Amino acid sequence: MEKRWGKMWALMGLLLLNWVSNVSSLSVTVNEVECVYEYVLYEGDTVSGNFVVVDHDIFWGSDHPGIDFTVSSPGGNTVQSLKGTSGDKFEFKAPRSGMYKFCFHNPYHTPETVSFYIHVGHIPTEHDLAKDGLLYFTWHILKPISNFFV
């Protein structure tokens, strides 16, 4: 019986994790300027991630200025800016919902591959929490499939 409940809670945890977060990962080739766009659903969501220039330690000399990274809000305001780096982490609270712009600028204009990871997470407030009726409804939907985990 305990084994079934453990699997049921694991399934509910996975469903909640899927609802709470949005993760994207990609590689882009930056010749001059390259931008990536990500939609943030809620004001106050935490946007975090990192990026790194692939093989920068092999191909860059000590005089290479690095690349610049800028994040702009839907209103066009700069939310975060990093200058002359081979990679870094970032994190900020979204000042508003909408389309955010993540841009890489390569001052050398030689192709550089950047590996980029972004995570947008929404932590539910008391307005987003499930009400008793929704929990009752969810339980009656999940209860029949719980037999698969026995």
C-alpha atoms as a PDB file:
ATOM      1  CA  MET A   1       0.000   0.000   0.000  1.00  0.00           C
ATOM      2  CA  GLU A   2       2.800   2.428   0.900  1.00  0.00           C
ATOM      3  CA  LYS A   3       4.535   1.667  -2.393  1.00  0.00           C
ATOM      4  CA  ARG A   4       1.415   2.704  -4.326  1.00  0.00           C
ATOM      5  CA  TRP A   5       1.136   5.989  -2.398  1.00  0.00           C
ATOM      6  CA  GLY A   6       4.808   6.721  -3.017  1.00  0.00           C
ATOM      7  CA  LYS A   7       4.360   6.286  -6.744  1.00  0.00           C
ATOM      8  CA  MET A   8       1.178   8.384  -6.675  1.00  0.00           C
ATOM      9  CA  TRP A   9       2.996  11.239  -4.916  1.00  0.00           C
ATOM     10  CA  ALA A  10       5.883  10.925  -7.375  1.00  0.00           C
ATOM     11  CA  LEU A  11       3.440  11.300 -10.280  1.00  0.00           C
ATOM     12  CA  MET A  12       1.781  14.311  -8.660  1.00  0.00           C
ATOM     13  CA  GLY A  13       5.227  15.815  -8.002  1.00  0.00           C
ATOM     14  CA  LEU A  14       6.193  15.418 -11.651  1.00  0.00           C
ATOM     15  CA  LEU A  15       2.933  17.006 -12.771  1.00  0.00           C
ATOM     16  CA  LEU A  16       3.507  19.921 -10.381  1.00  0.00           C
ATOM     17  CA  LEU A  17       7.097  20.336 -11.549  1.00  0.00           C
ATOM     18  CA  ASN A  18       5.920  20.453 -15.150  1.00  0.00           C
ATOM     19  CA  TRP A  19       3.351  23.119 -14.252  1.00  0.00           C
ATOM     20  CA  VAL A  20       5.764  25.230 -12.186  1.00  0.00           C
ATOM     21  CA  SER A  21       8.754  25.452 -14.490  1.00  0.00           C
ATOM     22  CA  ASN A  22       9.793  26.103 -18.041  1.00  0.00           C
ATOM     23  CA  VAL A  23      13.306  25.180 -19.125  1.00  0.00           C
ATOM     24  CA  SER A  24      15.027  25.882 -22.437  1.00  0.00           C
ATOM     25  CA  SER A  25      18.501  25.002 -23.600  1.00  0.00           C
ATOM     26  CA  LEU A  26      20.150  25.705 -26.939  1.00  0.00           C
ATOM     27  CA  SER A  27      23.340  26.594 -28.743  1.00  0.00           C
ATOM     28  CA  VAL A  28      23.634  29.656 -30.964  1.00  0.00           C
ATOM     29  CA  THR A  29      26.395  30.833 -33.265  1.00  0.00           C
ATOM     30  CA  VAL A  30      27.160  34.490 -32.631  1.00  0.00           C
ATOM     31  CA  ASN A  31      28.866  36.350 -35.496  1.00  0.00           C
ATOM     32  CA  GLU A  32      27.965  39.871 -34.434  1.00  0.00           C
ATOM     33  CA  VAL A  33      24.677  40.036 -32.515  1.00  0.00           C
ATOM     34  CA  GLU A  34      22.340  37.140 -31.864  1.00  0.00           C
ATOM     35  CA  CYS A  35      19.162  37.315 -29.753  1.00  0.00           C
ATOM     36  CA  VAL A  36      16.949  34.670 -28.160  1.00  0.00           C
ATOM     37  CA  TYR A  37      13.407  35.385 -26.952  1.00  0.00           C
ATOM     38  CA  GLU A  38      11.575  33.817 -24.013  1.00  0.00           C
ATOM     39  CA  TYR A  39       8.019  34.553 -22.884  1.00  0.00           C
ATOM     40  CA  VAL A  40       7.517  35.059 -19.141  1.00  0.00           C
ATOM     41  CA  LEU A  41       3.925  34.413 -18.081  1.00  0.00           C
ATOM     42  CA  TYR A  42       3.816  36.167 -14.699  1.00  0.00           C
ATOM     43  CA  GLU A  43       5.222  39.348 -13.222  1.00  0.00           C
ATOM     44  CA  GLY A  44       7.652  38.409 -10.440  1.00  0.00           C
ATOM     45  CA  ASP A  45       8.671  35.064 -11.963  1.00  0.00           C
ATOM     46  CA  THR A  46      12.288  34.098 -11.359  1.00  0.00           C
ATOM     47  CA  VAL A  47      14.304  33.944 -14.568  1.00  0.00           C
ATOM     48  CA  SER A  48      17.686  32.265 -14.225  1.00  0.00           C
ATOM     49  CA  GLY A  49      20.247  30.536 -16.372  1.00  0.00           C
ATOM     50  CA  ASN A  50      23.777  30.518 -17.654  1.00  0.00           C
ATOM     51  CA  PHE A  51      25.788  30.638 -20.837  1.00  0.00           C
ATOM     52  CA  VAL A  52      29.292  29.761 -21.940  1.00  0.00           C
ATOM     53  CA  VAL A  53      31.292  30.287 -25.120  1.00  0.00           C
ATOM     54  CA  VAL A  54      32.214  26.789 -26.294  1.00  0.00           C
ATOM     55  CA  ASP A  55      35.991  26.172 -26.551  1.00  0.00           C
ATOM     56  CA  HIS A  56      36.855  29.763 -25.591  1.00  0.00           C
ATOM     57  CA  ASP A  57      39.852  28.491 -23.621  1.00  0.00           C
ATOM     58  CA  ILE A  58      41.309  26.932 -26.794  1.00  0.00           C
ATOM     59  CA  PHE A  59      40.678  29.648 -29.391  1.00  0.00           C
ATOM     60  CA  TRP A  60      40.790  32.918 -27.460  1.00  0.00           C
ATOM     61  CA  GLY A  61      44.022  34.746 -26.836  1.00  0.00           C
ATOM     62  CA  SER A  62      44.572  36.937 -23.796  1.00  0.00           C
ATOM     63  CA  ASP A  63      43.614  40.001 -25.850  1.00  0.00           C
ATOM     64  CA  HIS A  64      40.103  38.710 -26.755  1.00  0.00           C
ATOM     65  CA  PRO A  65      37.494  41.111 -25.317  1.00  0.00           C
ATOM     66  CA  GLY A  66      34.915  38.389 -24.627  1.00  0.00           C
ATOM     67  CA  ILE A  67      31.239  38.674 -25.491  1.00  0.00           C
ATOM     68  CA  ASP A  68      28.546  40.927 -24.073  1.00  0.00           C
ATOM     69  CA  PHE A  69      25.206  39.665 -22.764  1.00  0.00           C
ATOM     70  CA  THR A  70      22.109  41.848 -22.331  1.00  0.00           C
ATOM     71  CA  VAL A  71      18.578  41.030 -21.191  1.00  0.00           C
ATOM     72  CA  SER A  72      15.755  43.419 -22.102  1.00  0.00           C
ATOM     73  CA  SER A  73      12.240  43.488 -20.664  1.00  0.00           C
ATOM     74  CA  PRO A  74       9.089  43.680 -22.815  1.00  0.00           C
ATOM     75  CA  GLY A  75       9.194  47.467 -22.396  1.00  0.00           C
ATOM     76  CA  GLY A  76      12.763  47.631 -23.765  1.00  0.00           C
ATOM     77  CA  ASN A  77      14.459  48.331 -20.420  1.00  0.00           C
ATOM     78  CA  THR A  78      17.742  46.566 -19.674  1.00  0.00           C
ATOM     79  CA  VAL A  79      17.169  44.052 -16.888  1.00  0.00           C
ATOM     80  CA  GLN A  80      20.681  42.586 -16.812  1.00  0.00           C
ATOM     81  CA  SER A  81      23.954  43.288 -18.605  1.00  0.00           C
ATOM     82  CA  LEU A  82      27.329  41.538 -18.572  1.00  0.00           C
ATOM     83  CA  LYS A  83      30.347  42.813 -20.500  1.00  0.00           C
ATOM     84  CA  GLY A  84      33.416  41.026 -21.851  1.00  0.00           C
ATOM     85  CA  THR A  85      32.895  37.525 -20.545  1.00  0.00           C
ATOM     86  CA  SER A  86      33.343  33.958 -21.745  1.00  0.00           C
ATOM     87  CA  GLY A  87      30.273  32.881 -19.765  1.00  0.00           C
ATOM     88  CA  ASP A  88      28.358  33.550 -16.583  1.00  0.00           C
ATOM     89  CA  LYS A  89      25.222  32.873 -14.553  1.00  0.00           C
ATOM     90  CA  PHE A  90      22.263  35.236 -14.299  1.00  0.00           C
ATOM     91  CA  GLU A  91      19.105  35.541 -12.249  1.00  0.00           C
ATOM     92  CA  PHE A  92      16.420  38.205 -11.893  1.00  0.00           C
ATOM     93  CA  LYS A  93      12.770  38.686 -10.985  1.00  0.00           C
ATOM     94  CA  ALA A  94      10.722  39.586 -14.046  1.00  0.00           C
ATOM     95  CA  PRO A  95       9.418  43.137 -13.564  1.00  0.00           C
ATOM     96  CA  ARG A  96       6.443  42.295 -15.790  1.00  0.00           C
ATOM     97  CA  SER A  97       5.064  39.514 -17.932  1.00  0.00           C
ATOM     98  CA  GLY A  98       5.815  39.412 -21.640  1.00  0.00           C
ATOM     99  CA  MET A  99       8.533  38.629 -24.164  1.00  0.00           C
ATOM    100  CA  TYR A 100      12.095  38.998 -22.847  1.00  0.00           C
ATOM    101  CA  LYS A 101      15.053  39.443 -25.179  1.00  0.00           C
ATOM    102  CA  PHE A 102      18.431  37.803 -24.410  1.00  0.00           C
ATOM    103  CA  CYS A 103      21.170  39.158 -26.702  1.00  0.00           C
ATOM    104  CA  PHE A 104      24.798  38.181 -27.228  1.00  0.00           C
ATOM    105  CA  HIS A 105      27.204  40.641 -28.867  1.00  0.00           C
ATOM    106  CA  ASN A 106      30.533  39.444 -30.277  1.00  0.00           C
ATOM    107  CA  PRO A 107      32.830  42.440 -30.914  1.00  0.00           C
ATOM    108  CA  TYR A 108      35.330  40.331 -32.943  1.00  0.00           C
ATOM    109  CA  HIS A 109      32.680  39.313 -35.499  1.00  0.00           C
ATOM    110  CA  THR A 110      34.199  35.828 -35.754  1.00  0.00           C
ATOM    111  CA  PRO A 111      31.765  32.934 -35.284  1.00  0.00           C
ATOM    112  CA  GLU A 112      31.514  31.856 -31.635  1.00  0.00           C
ATOM    113  CA  THR A 113      29.229  29.069 -30.420  1.00  0.00           C
ATOM    114  CA  VAL A 114      27.394  29.930 -27.212  1.00  0.00           C
ATOM    115  CA  SER A 115      25.645  27.280 -25.142  1.00  0.00           C
ATOM    116  CA  PHE A 116      22.668  28.920 -23.429  1.00  0.00           C
ATOM    117  CA  TYR A 117      20.357  27.616 -20.694  1.00  0.00           C
ATOM    118  CA  ILE A 118      17.328  29.462 -19.312  1.00  0.00           C
ATOM    119  CA  HIS A 119      14.774  28.577 -16.645  1.00  0.00           C
ATOM    120  CA  VAL A 120      11.574  30.495 -15.914  1.00  0.00           C
ATOM    121  CA  GLY A 121       9.945  29.478 -12.659  1.00  0.00           C
ATOM    122  CA  HIS A 122       6.621  30.527 -11.229  1.00  0.00           C
ATOM    123  CA  ILE A 123       6.058  30.034  -7.520  1.00  0.00           C
ATOM    124  CA  PRO A 124       2.300  29.897  -6.931  1.00  0.00           C
ATOM    125  CA  THR A 125       0.759  32.481  -4.621  1.00  0.00           C
ATOM    126  CA  GLU A 126      -2.291  31.911  -2.435  1.00  0.00           C
ATOM    127  CA  HIS A 127      -4.453  32.907  -5.434  1.00  0.00           C
ATOM    128  CA  ASP A 128      -2.957  30.069  -7.512  1.00  0.00           C
ATOM    129  CA  LEU A 129      -3.337  27.338  -4.905  1.00  0.00           C
ATOM    130  CA  ALA A 130      -5.851  24.588  -5.482  1.00  0.00           C
ATOM    131  CA  LYS A 131      -9.204  24.871  -3.771  1.00  0.00           C
ATOM    132  CA  ASP A 132     -10.879  21.926  -2.041  1.00  0.00           C
ATOM    133  CA  GLY A 133     -13.136  21.296  -5.032  1.00  0.00           C
ATOM    134  CA  LEU A 134     -10.182  21.095  -7.404  1.00  0.00           C
ATOM    135  CA  LEU A 135      -8.346  18.702  -5.076  1.00  0.00           C
ATOM    136  CA  TYR A 136     -11.456  16.512  -4.904  1.00  0.00           C
ATOM    137  CA  PHE A 137     -11.739  16.567  -8.719  1.00  0.00           C
ATOM    138  CA  THR A 138      -8.010  15.809  -9.162  1.00  0.00           C
ATOM    139  CA  TRP A 139      -8.159  12.916  -6.696  1.00  0.00           C
ATOM    140  CA  HIS A 140     -11.043  11.302  -8.575  1.00  0.00           C
ATOM    141  CA  ILE A 141      -9.184  11.587 -11.873  1.00  0.00           C
ATOM    142  CA  LEU A 142      -5.885  10.246 -10.483  1.00  0.00           C
ATOM    143  CA  LYS A 143      -7.393   7.511  -8.330  1.00  0.00           C
ATOM    144  CA  PRO A 144      -8.243   5.183 -11.288  1.00  0.00           C
ATOM    145  CA  ILE A 145      -4.736   5.439 -12.751  1.00  0.00           C
ATOM    146  CA  SER A 146      -3.141   4.720  -9.378  1.00  0.00           C
ATOM    147  CA  ASN A 147      -3.861   1.026 -10.018  1.00  0.00           C
ATOM    148  CA  PHE A 148      -1.170   1.103 -12.712  1.00  0.00           C
ATOM    149  CA  PHE A 149       1.456   1.727 -10.039  1.00  0.00           C
ATOM    150  CA  VAL A 150       0.696  -1.345  -7.947  1.00  0.00           C
END
